[in-house]
């Protein structure tokens, strides 16, 4: 199910399109879904991220069910890929809103490469949250 290798340029190009949809760049919420989400603010795109994450979980569970029942696994795998693409897309909108880019995430993944997931998690302790869910500035914003 793997197509030809795709470079990080795809993420960078998509991030550039998202940047161009910001209101300060002339993004029009009447004609652009991204501009509309950005105009509505974090609650709108963060809600979409939550919805898409749930859809990823459901699509993955559908693959498990298909395997158990002999149903069409490749079709369900295609649905999972589509849901992950939706999740990544909306996550790119959040990154743009917060002044970040795919390169920031790729750099973090590179930093973690070769590190045991158990070790990495042990190094990161979930920060105490302030009232309203905010992470205190001293915590570095890392989540465990």
Protein backbone atom coordinates (compact mmCIF):
# COMPACT_ATOMS: atom_id res chain seq x y z
CA UNK A 1 0.00 0.00 0.00
CA UNK A 2 3.07 2.25 -0.01
CA UNK A 3 3.28 4.67 -2.92
CA UNK A 4 6.57 6.08 -4.17
CA UNK A 5 8.56 7.81 -1.42
CA UNK A 6 7.29 11.26 -0.60
CA UNK A 7 9.65 13.94 0.56
CA UNK A 8 9.22 16.38 3.40
CA UNK A 9 8.63 18.95 0.65
CA UNK A 10 4.99 17.86 0.60
CA UNK A 11 4.56 18.96 4.22
CA UNK A 12 6.48 22.18 3.57
CA UNK A 13 4.34 23.00 0.53
CA UNK A 14 1.15 22.36 2.46
CA UNK A 15 2.43 24.47 5.36
CA UNK A 16 3.14 27.31 2.91
CA UNK A 17 -0.43 27.11 1.59
CA UNK A 18 -1.77 27.20 5.15
CA UNK A 19 0.42 30.22 5.94
CA UNK A 20 -1.00 31.97 2.87
CA UNK A 21 -4.52 31.45 4.23
CA UNK A 22 -3.87 33.46 7.40
CA UNK A 23 -5.87 36.67 7.61
CA UNK A 24 -2.68 38.75 7.70
CA UNK A 25 -1.69 37.18 4.37
CA UNK A 26 -5.05 37.90 2.77
CA UNK A 27 -6.73 34.58 3.48
CA UNK A 28 -10.45 34.84 2.82
CA UNK A 29 -12.70 32.86 5.19
CA UNK A 30 -15.52 33.07 2.64
CA UNK A 31 -13.53 31.04 0.11
CA UNK A 32 -11.00 29.09 2.18
CA UNK A 33 -11.67 26.38 4.74
CA UNK A 34 -8.27 27.00 6.35
CA UNK A 35 -8.85 30.75 6.55
CA UNK A 36 -12.24 30.08 8.14
CA UNK A 37 -10.74 27.77 10.79
CA UNK A 38 -7.96 30.25 11.53
CA UNK A 39 -10.43 33.13 11.78
CA UNK A 40 -12.59 31.17 14.21
CA UNK A 41 -9.55 30.65 16.41
CA UNK A 42 -7.95 27.80 18.31
CA UNK A 43 -11.18 26.28 19.61
CA UNK A 44 -12.29 25.58 16.03
CA UNK A 45 -9.15 23.87 14.75
CA UNK A 46 -8.37 22.15 18.06
CA UNK A 47 -11.86 20.66 18.05
CA UNK A 48 -11.19 19.38 14.53
CA UNK A 49 -7.93 17.79 15.71
CA UNK A 50 -9.83 15.98 18.45
CA UNK A 51 -12.46 14.79 16.00
CA UNK A 52 -9.87 13.60 13.50
CA UNK A 53 -7.88 11.79 16.22
CA UNK A 54 -11.03 9.93 17.19
CA UNK A 55 -11.66 9.04 13.55
CA UNK A 56 -8.10 7.66 13.30
CA UNK A 57 -8.79 5.39 16.28
CA UNK A 58 -12.09 4.20 14.79
CA UNK A 59 -10.52 3.55 11.38
CA UNK A 60 -7.72 1.54 12.99
CA UNK A 61 -10.25 -0.50 14.98
CA UNK A 62 -12.11 -1.15 11.71
CA UNK A 63 -8.93 -2.75 10.32
CA UNK A 64 -8.73 -5.02 13.37
CA UNK A 65 -12.37 -5.97 12.88
CA UNK A 66 -11.83 -6.58 9.15
CA UNK A 67 -8.89 -8.86 9.89
CA UNK A 68 -10.94 -10.81 12.42
CA UNK A 69 -13.91 -11.22 10.10
CA UNK A 70 -12.20 -11.61 6.74
CA UNK A 71 -13.56 -8.30 5.45
CA UNK A 72 -11.77 -6.02 2.98
CA UNK A 73 -8.63 -4.95 4.89
CA UNK A 74 -7.06 -2.84 2.09
CA UNK A 75 -10.19 -0.68 1.85
CA UNK A 76 -10.08 -0.05 5.57
CA UNK A 77 -6.35 0.67 5.41
CA UNK A 78 -7.10 3.32 2.79
CA UNK A 79 -9.65 4.85 5.16
CA UNK A 80 -7.06 4.93 7.95
CA UNK A 81 -4.58 6.69 5.69
CA UNK A 82 -7.25 9.26 4.81
CA UNK A 83 -8.08 9.88 8.47
CA UNK A 84 -4.41 10.26 9.41
CA UNK A 85 -4.03 12.72 6.52
CA UNK A 86 -6.95 14.72 7.93
CA UNK A 87 -5.35 14.67 11.39
CA UNK A 88 -1.99 15.80 10.03
CA UNK A 89 -3.66 18.55 7.98
CA UNK A 90 -5.47 20.00 10.96
CA UNK A 91 -2.33 19.65 13.07
CA UNK A 92 -0.48 21.70 10.44
CA UNK A 93 -3.09 24.42 10.88
CA UNK A 94 -2.41 24.42 14.64
CA UNK A 95 1.33 24.56 14.05
CA UNK A 96 0.91 27.55 11.72
CA UNK A 97 -1.33 29.34 14.20
CA UNK A 98 1.27 28.91 16.94
CA UNK A 99 4.17 30.04 14.74
CA UNK A 100 5.59 26.57 14.15
CA UNK A 101 6.18 24.45 11.07
CA UNK A 102 6.52 20.81 10.04
CA UNK A 103 10.29 21.30 10.27
CA UNK A 104 9.91 21.80 14.02
CA UNK A 105 8.13 18.47 14.39
CA UNK A 106 10.56 16.68 12.08
CA UNK A 107 13.49 18.07 14.10
CA UNK A 108 11.91 16.72 17.29
CA UNK A 109 11.37 13.32 15.70
CA UNK A 110 14.99 13.35 14.53
CA UNK A 111 16.12 14.26 18.04
CA UNK A 112 14.20 11.28 19.40
CA UNK A 113 15.45 8.83 16.75
CA UNK A 114 17.36 5.97 18.30
CA UNK A 115 16.01 6.72 21.77
CA UNK A 116 13.90 4.13 23.50
CA UNK A 117 10.32 5.29 23.82
CA UNK A 118 10.36 4.21 27.44
CA UNK A 119 13.50 6.27 28.09
CA UNK A 120 12.08 9.28 26.25
CA UNK A 121 8.87 9.15 28.25
CA UNK A 122 10.79 8.83 31.51
CA UNK A 123 12.74 11.99 30.65
CA UNK A 124 9.55 13.91 30.12
CA UNK A 125 7.30 14.35 33.10
CA UNK A 126 3.77 15.60 32.53
CA UNK A 127 3.77 19.20 33.74
CA UNK A 128 1.34 20.39 36.35
CA UNK A 129 -1.47 22.31 34.69
CA UNK A 130 -2.64 25.70 35.78
CA UNK A 131 -6.36 26.40 36.21
CA UNK A 132 -7.95 26.42 32.77
CA UNK A 133 -5.55 23.78 31.43
CA UNK A 134 -2.59 26.06 30.69
CA UNK A 135 0.91 24.62 30.97
CA UNK A 136 3.14 26.74 33.20
CA UNK A 137 5.86 28.50 31.15
CA UNK A 138 8.68 26.89 33.15
CA UNK A 139 7.66 23.40 32.02
CA UNK A 140 8.70 23.92 28.42
CA UNK A 141 5.29 22.80 27.26
CA UNK A 142 6.26 19.14 27.00
CA UNK A 143 3.61 16.54 27.65
CA UNK A 144 4.24 13.01 28.84
